[in-house]
Amino acid sequence: MTESSPQTVFDVIGEDGLTHLVRGFYEQVPQDEILGPMYPPADLAAAERRLREFLVYRFGGPDRYIVERGHPRLRVRHAPFVIHQAARDRWFQLMNTSLDRAEFAPEIVAALRTFFAETASFLINSDG
């Protein structure tokens, strides 16, 4: 008998699951008073695609993000945006709403929530 490797988030929910999650997040953004102004309407579809591709890569799927954009360098890529605690909290709140609506298995939700909480906190770059 051979040991199998543990399944990744991508193995369990696939690209369709991550697409659904990210779409649910971005559907909330335009009307949000904190995040809406941070996302130019003309770039919203591209922002959605970038996040989806990053999450696909990060959670065990194809590395299209890396091929297209290189190392994620999240702090550098987000440096042009003022990300304070309220923006971080709102981003996390909208992503949690999308997670709740996605109805993934509890272990998948837990893994994603932990990642999103830690990453959102890591990207805070302003006291304002």
Protein backbone atom coordinates (compact mmCIF):
# COMPACT_ATOMS: atom_id res chain seq x y z
CA MET A 1 0.00 0.00 0.00
CA THR A 2 1.28 3.45 -0.85
CA GLU A 3 0.64 6.67 0.95
CA SER A 4 -1.27 9.23 -1.05
CA SER A 5 -0.48 12.89 -0.72
CA PRO A 6 -3.03 15.04 1.01
CA GLN A 7 -5.51 16.79 -1.23
CA THR A 8 -5.06 20.47 -1.84
CA VAL A 9 -7.85 23.02 -1.70
CA PHE A 10 -7.67 23.05 -5.49
CA ASP A 11 -8.07 19.25 -5.62
CA VAL A 12 -11.27 19.53 -3.60
CA ILE A 13 -13.03 22.61 -5.02
CA GLY A 14 -11.22 23.01 -8.33
CA GLU A 15 -11.00 26.03 -10.54
CA ASP A 16 -14.79 26.30 -10.67
CA GLY A 17 -14.97 26.62 -6.89
CA LEU A 18 -12.33 29.33 -6.78
CA THR A 19 -13.95 31.14 -9.71
CA HIS A 20 -17.27 31.10 -7.86
CA LEU A 21 -15.64 32.36 -4.64
CA VAL A 22 -13.80 35.23 -6.34
CA ARG A 23 -16.81 36.22 -8.43
CA GLY A 24 -18.92 36.35 -5.26
CA PHE A 25 -16.36 38.64 -3.67
CA TYR A 26 -16.14 41.03 -6.62
CA GLU A 27 -19.93 41.22 -6.97
CA GLN A 28 -19.92 42.99 -3.59
CA VAL A 29 -17.08 45.42 -4.28
CA PRO A 30 -18.56 48.13 -6.56
CA GLN A 31 -21.25 49.20 -4.06
CA ASP A 32 -18.98 49.02 -1.02
CA GLU A 33 -18.12 52.45 0.39
CA ILE A 34 -14.60 51.43 1.49
CA LEU A 35 -13.45 49.01 -1.20
CA GLY A 36 -15.45 50.30 -4.16
CA PRO A 37 -13.29 53.43 -4.64
CA MET A 38 -10.12 51.29 -4.53
CA TYR A 39 -11.16 49.33 -7.63
CA PRO A 40 -11.51 51.33 -10.86
CA PRO A 41 -14.59 49.99 -12.70
CA ALA A 42 -12.59 49.57 -15.90
CA ASP A 43 -10.16 47.24 -14.07
CA LEU A 44 -12.66 45.23 -12.03
CA ALA A 45 -12.76 42.24 -14.39
CA ALA A 46 -8.96 42.19 -14.58
CA ALA A 47 -8.67 42.39 -10.78
CA GLU A 48 -11.08 39.47 -10.49
CA ARG A 49 -9.02 37.46 -12.95
CA ARG A 50 -5.75 38.24 -11.16
CA LEU A 51 -7.12 37.17 -7.77
CA ARG A 52 -8.63 34.01 -9.23
CA GLU A 53 -5.38 33.05 -10.97
CA PHE A 54 -3.37 33.78 -7.82
CA LEU A 55 -5.66 31.60 -5.69
CA VAL A 56 -5.63 28.79 -8.25
CA TYR A 57 -1.82 28.81 -8.09
CA ARG A 58 -1.59 29.29 -4.32
CA PHE A 59 -3.96 26.44 -3.53
CA GLY A 60 -2.46 23.78 -5.77
CA GLY A 61 -3.67 24.42 -9.31
CA PRO A 62 -1.82 25.35 -12.49
CA ASP A 63 0.85 28.03 -12.21
CA ARG A 64 -0.60 30.38 -14.85
CA TYR A 65 -0.29 33.28 -12.41
CA ILE A 66 3.45 32.75 -12.02
CA VAL A 67 3.98 32.29 -15.76
CA GLU A 68 2.10 35.49 -16.53
CA ARG A 69 3.04 37.74 -13.61
CA GLY A 70 6.05 36.21 -11.87
CA HIS A 71 6.47 35.95 -8.11
CA PRO A 72 3.33 37.23 -6.33
CA ARG A 73 5.19 39.98 -4.38
CA LEU A 74 1.92 40.84 -2.69
CA ARG A 75 3.19 43.75 -0.59
CA VAL A 76 4.87 45.36 -3.59
CA ARG A 77 1.83 44.90 -5.83
CA HIS A 78 -0.47 46.39 -3.19
CA ALA A 79 1.84 49.26 -2.16
CA PRO A 80 0.07 51.82 -4.41
CA PHE A 81 -3.15 51.32 -2.44
CA VAL A 82 -3.80 52.72 1.03
CA ILE A 83 -4.69 49.63 3.04
CA HIS A 84 -5.62 50.48 6.61
CA GLN A 85 -7.29 48.31 9.22
CA ALA A 86 -10.81 49.26 8.09
CA ALA A 87 -10.02 48.34 4.46
CA ARG A 88 -8.47 45.06 5.59
CA ASP A 89 -11.47 44.26 7.75
CA ARG A 90 -13.94 45.08 4.98
CA TRP A 91 -12.00 43.00 2.42
CA PHE A 92 -12.06 40.09 4.86
CA GLN A 93 -15.76 40.63 5.59
CA LEU A 94 -16.72 40.54 1.90
CA MET A 95 -14.54 37.49 1.30
CA ASN A 96 -16.16 35.76 4.30
CA THR A 97 -19.58 36.51 2.85
CA SER A 98 -18.48 34.94 -0.41
CA LEU A 99 -17.08 31.93 1.47
CA ASP A 100 -20.36 31.47 3.34
CA ARG A 101 -22.32 31.58 0.10
CA ALA A 102 -19.96 29.12 -1.60
CA GLU A 103 -20.90 26.37 0.87
CA PHE A 104 -17.56 24.58 0.74
CA ALA A 105 -16.72 21.80 3.19
CA PRO A 106 -15.80 23.11 6.67
CA GLU A 107 -12.12 22.16 6.35
CA ILE A 108 -11.85 24.08 3.07
CA VAL A 109 -13.55 27.13 4.57
CA ALA A 110 -11.22 26.99 7.58
CA ALA A 111 -8.10 26.80 5.37
CA LEU A 112 -9.26 29.66 3.17
CA ARG A 113 -10.35 31.86 6.10
CA THR A 114 -7.00 31.42 7.80
CA PHE A 115 -5.12 32.28 4.61
CA PHE A 116 -7.31 35.31 3.88
CA ALA A 117 -7.09 36.65 7.44
CA GLU A 118 -3.31 36.34 7.56
CA THR A 119 -2.73 37.71 4.07
CA ALA A 120 -5.13 40.64 4.51
CA SER A 121 -3.35 41.61 7.75
CA PHE A 122 0.04 41.29 6.05
CA LEU A 123 -1.02 43.82 3.41
CA ILE A 124 -1.91 46.63 5.83
CA ASN A 125 0.37 49.53 4.91
CA SER A 126 -1.26 52.56 6.54
CA ASP A 127 -2.37 53.68 10.00
CA GLY A 128 -5.05 55.89 8.40
